[in-house]
C-alpha atoms as a PDB file:
ATOM      1  CA  UNK A   1     -27.376  35.933  10.054  1.00  0.00           C
ATOM      2  CA  UNK A   2     -26.104  32.412  10.582  1.00  0.00           C
ATOM      3  CA  UNK A   3     -24.039  31.180  13.511  1.00  0.00           C
ATOM      4  CA  UNK A   4     -21.619  28.313  14.027  1.00  0.00           C
ATOM      5  CA  UNK A   5     -24.428  26.444  15.782  1.00  0.00           C
ATOM      6  CA  UNK A   6     -26.504  26.606  12.577  1.00  0.00           C
ATOM      7  CA  UNK A   7     -23.536  25.185  10.658  1.00  0.00           C
ATOM      8  CA  UNK A   8     -23.113  22.249  13.044  1.00  0.00           C
ATOM      9  CA  UNK A   9     -26.858  21.539  13.047  1.00  0.00           C
ATOM     10  CA  UNK A  10     -26.778  21.297   9.234  1.00  0.00           C
ATOM     11  CA  UNK A  11     -23.793  18.935   9.421  1.00  0.00           C
ATOM     12  CA  UNK A  12     -25.557  16.807  12.058  1.00  0.00           C
ATOM     13  CA  UNK A  13     -28.698  16.546   9.912  1.00  0.00           C
ATOM     14  CA  UNK A  14     -26.555  15.511   6.930  1.00  0.00           C
ATOM     15  CA  UNK A  15     -24.899  12.761   8.984  1.00  0.00           C
ATOM     16  CA  UNK A  16     -28.278  11.492  10.225  1.00  0.00           C
ATOM     17  CA  UNK A  17     -29.587  11.206   6.655  1.00  0.00           C
ATOM     18  CA  UNK A  18     -26.347   9.540   5.604  1.00  0.00           C
ATOM     19  CA  UNK A  19     -26.552   7.016   8.453  1.00  0.00           C
ATOM     20  CA  UNK A  20     -30.184   6.200   7.666  1.00  0.00           C
ATOM     21  CA  UNK A  21     -29.300   5.690   3.999  1.00  0.00           C
ATOM     22  CA  UNK A  22     -26.391   3.405   4.839  1.00  0.00           C
ATOM     23  CA  UNK A  23     -28.492   1.354   7.278  1.00  0.00           C
ATOM     24  CA  UNK A  24     -31.182   0.909   4.619  1.00  0.00           C
ATOM     25  CA  UNK A  25     -28.569  -0.181   2.073  1.00  0.00           C
ATOM     26  CA  UNK A  26     -26.984  -2.688   4.455  1.00  0.00           C
ATOM     27  CA  UNK A  27     -30.047  -4.232   6.092  1.00  0.00           C
ATOM     28  CA  UNK A  28     -32.920  -3.595   3.670  1.00  0.00           C
ATOM     29  CA  UNK A  29     -31.542  -4.221   0.203  1.00  0.00           C
ATOM     30  CA  UNK A  30     -35.045  -4.280  -1.305  1.00  0.00           C
ATOM     31  CA  UNK A  31     -35.521  -0.601  -0.488  1.00  0.00           C
ATOM     32  CA  UNK A  32     -32.450   0.765  -2.256  1.00  0.00           C
ATOM     33  CA  UNK A  33     -34.417   3.570  -3.932  1.00  0.00           C
ATOM     34  CA  UNK A  34     -35.450   4.818  -0.510  1.00  0.00           C
ATOM     35  CA  UNK A  35     -31.789   4.707   0.521  1.00  0.00           C
ATOM     36  CA  UNK A  36     -30.870   6.813  -2.492  1.00  0.00           C
ATOM     37  CA  UNK A  37     -33.473   9.348  -1.401  1.00  0.00           C
ATOM     38  CA  UNK A  38     -31.878   9.624   2.041  1.00  0.00           C
ATOM     39  CA  UNK A  39     -28.400   9.884   0.521  1.00  0.00           C
ATOM     40  CA  UNK A  40     -29.690  12.671  -1.730  1.00  0.00           C
ATOM     41  CA  UNK A  41     -31.090  14.491   1.306  1.00  0.00           C
ATOM     42  CA  UNK A  42     -27.680  14.111   2.917  1.00  0.00           C
ATOM     43  CA  UNK A  43     -26.035  15.821  -0.053  1.00  0.00           C
ATOM     44  CA  UNK A  44     -28.655  18.570   0.053  1.00  0.00           C
ATOM     45  CA  UNK A  45     -27.915  19.299   3.683  1.00  0.00           C
ATOM     46  CA  UNK A  46     -24.165  19.290   3.021  1.00  0.00           C
ATOM     47  CA  UNK A  47     -24.709  22.004   0.427  1.00  0.00           C
ATOM     48  CA  UNK A  48     -26.837  23.926   2.942  1.00  0.00           C
ATOM     49  CA  UNK A  49     -24.031  23.636   5.494  1.00  0.00           C
ATOM     50  CA  UNK A  50     -21.549  24.999   2.955  1.00  0.00           C
ATOM     51  CA  UNK A  51     -23.882  27.928   2.307  1.00  0.00           C
ATOM     52  CA  UNK A  52     -24.110  28.616   6.052  1.00  0.00           C
ATOM     53  CA  UNK A  53     -20.325  28.348   6.392  1.00  0.00           C
ATOM     54  CA  UNK A  54     -19.757  30.867   3.639  1.00  0.00           C
ATOM     55  CA  UNK A  55     -22.023  33.356   5.416  1.00  0.00           C
ATOM     56  CA  UNK A  56     -20.098  33.135   8.705  1.00  0.00           C
ATOM     57  CA  UNK A  57     -17.849  36.036   9.634  1.00  0.00           C
ATOM     58  CA  UNK A  58     -15.583  33.906  11.833  1.00  0.00           C
ATOM     59  CA  UNK A  59     -14.538  30.960   9.676  1.00  0.00           C
ATOM     60  CA  UNK A  60     -12.965  29.054  12.592  1.00  0.00           C
ATOM     61  CA  UNK A  61     -15.591  26.367  13.153  1.00  0.00           C
ATOM     62  CA  UNK A  62     -13.274  24.214  15.266  1.00  0.00           C
ATOM     63  CA  UNK A  63     -11.675  25.350  18.551  1.00  0.00           C
ATOM     64  CA  UNK A  64      -8.561  27.500  18.209  1.00  0.00           C
ATOM     65  CA  UNK A  65      -6.209  24.637  19.114  1.00  0.00           C
ATOM     66  CA  UNK A  66      -7.172  22.763  15.926  1.00  0.00           C
ATOM     67  CA  UNK A  67      -5.426  25.192  13.587  1.00  0.00           C
ATOM     68  CA  UNK A  68      -4.832  22.586  10.887  1.00  0.00           C
ATOM     69  CA  UNK A  69      -8.527  21.592  10.756  1.00  0.00           C
ATOM     70  CA  UNK A  70      -9.622  25.230  10.532  1.00  0.00           C
ATOM     71  CA  UNK A  71      -7.204  25.818   7.666  1.00  0.00           C
ATOM     72  CA  UNK A  72      -8.471  22.701   5.861  1.00  0.00           C
ATOM     73  CA  UNK A  73     -12.097  23.835   6.213  1.00  0.00           C
ATOM     74  CA  UNK A  74     -11.283  27.314   4.892  1.00  0.00           C
ATOM     75  CA  UNK A  75      -9.317  25.876   1.987  1.00  0.00           C
ATOM     76  CA  UNK A  76     -11.755  23.155   1.000  1.00  0.00           C
ATOM     77  CA  UNK A  77     -14.912  25.278   1.272  1.00  0.00           C
ATOM     78  CA  UNK A  78     -13.511  28.199  -0.686  1.00  0.00           C
ATOM     79  CA  UNK A  79     -15.989  28.817  -3.548  1.00  0.00           C
ATOM     80  CA  UNK A  80     -13.287  28.340  -6.195  1.00  0.00           C
ATOM     81  CA  UNK A  81     -12.013  25.042  -4.799  1.00  0.00           C
ATOM     82  CA  UNK A  82     -15.221  23.558  -3.391  1.00  0.00           C
ATOM     83  CA  UNK A  83     -16.328  21.703  -6.538  1.00  0.00           C
ATOM     84  CA  UNK A  84     -12.909  20.122  -7.051  1.00  0.00           C
ATOM     85  CA  UNK A  85     -12.744  18.911  -3.438  1.00  0.00           C
ATOM     86  CA  UNK A  86     -16.370  17.711  -3.621  1.00  0.00           C
ATOM     87  CA  UNK A  87     -15.852  15.750  -6.843  1.00  0.00           C
ATOM     88  CA  UNK A  88     -12.601  14.188  -5.617  1.00  0.00           C
ATOM     89  CA  UNK A  89     -14.282  13.184  -2.334  1.00  0.00           C
ATOM     90  CA  UNK A  90     -17.254  11.746  -4.208  1.00  0.00           C
ATOM     91  CA  UNK A  91     -14.915   9.756  -6.475  1.00  0.00           C
ATOM     92  CA  UNK A  92     -12.954   8.345  -3.535  1.00  0.00           C
ATOM     93  CA  UNK A  93     -16.205   7.472  -1.743  1.00  0.00           C
ATOM     94  CA  UNK A  94     -17.508   5.670  -4.843  1.00  0.00           C
ATOM     95  CA  UNK A  95     -14.263   3.723  -5.238  1.00  0.00           C
ATOM     96  CA  UNK A  96     -14.271   2.693  -1.566  1.00  0.00           C
ATOM     97  CA  UNK A  97     -17.958   1.733  -1.801  1.00  0.00           C
ATOM     98  CA  UNK A  98     -17.356  -0.385  -4.891  1.00  0.00           C
ATOM     99  CA  UNK A  99     -14.399  -2.112  -3.255  1.00  0.00           C
ATOM    100  CA  UNK A 100     -16.405  -2.865  -0.115  1.00  0.00           C
ATOM    101  CA  UNK A 101     -19.420  -4.215  -2.037  1.00  0.00           C
ATOM    102  CA  UNK A 102     -17.415  -6.485  -4.348  1.00  0.00           C
END
């Protein structure tokens, strides 16, 4: 059985891999394949976090006073809507990345 702590640990690991990948892209442009590896690990851990979230009984991962955030998490990580939200987020991230690089 998973807990909210397991969920947040998965999210933290995903952010660490993402930060390492971004640092490699910014400062070590010769090692871009290594950066892609870290970004791929970040995506893997995001999917693990989603799996942990779906197994939680209490879906309120934020404190009770953040009602809007809890509703957004429940809505966006619903199995039917997850792929749409993920693809839209990935598209926006790619567009922002392209605009920053050029």
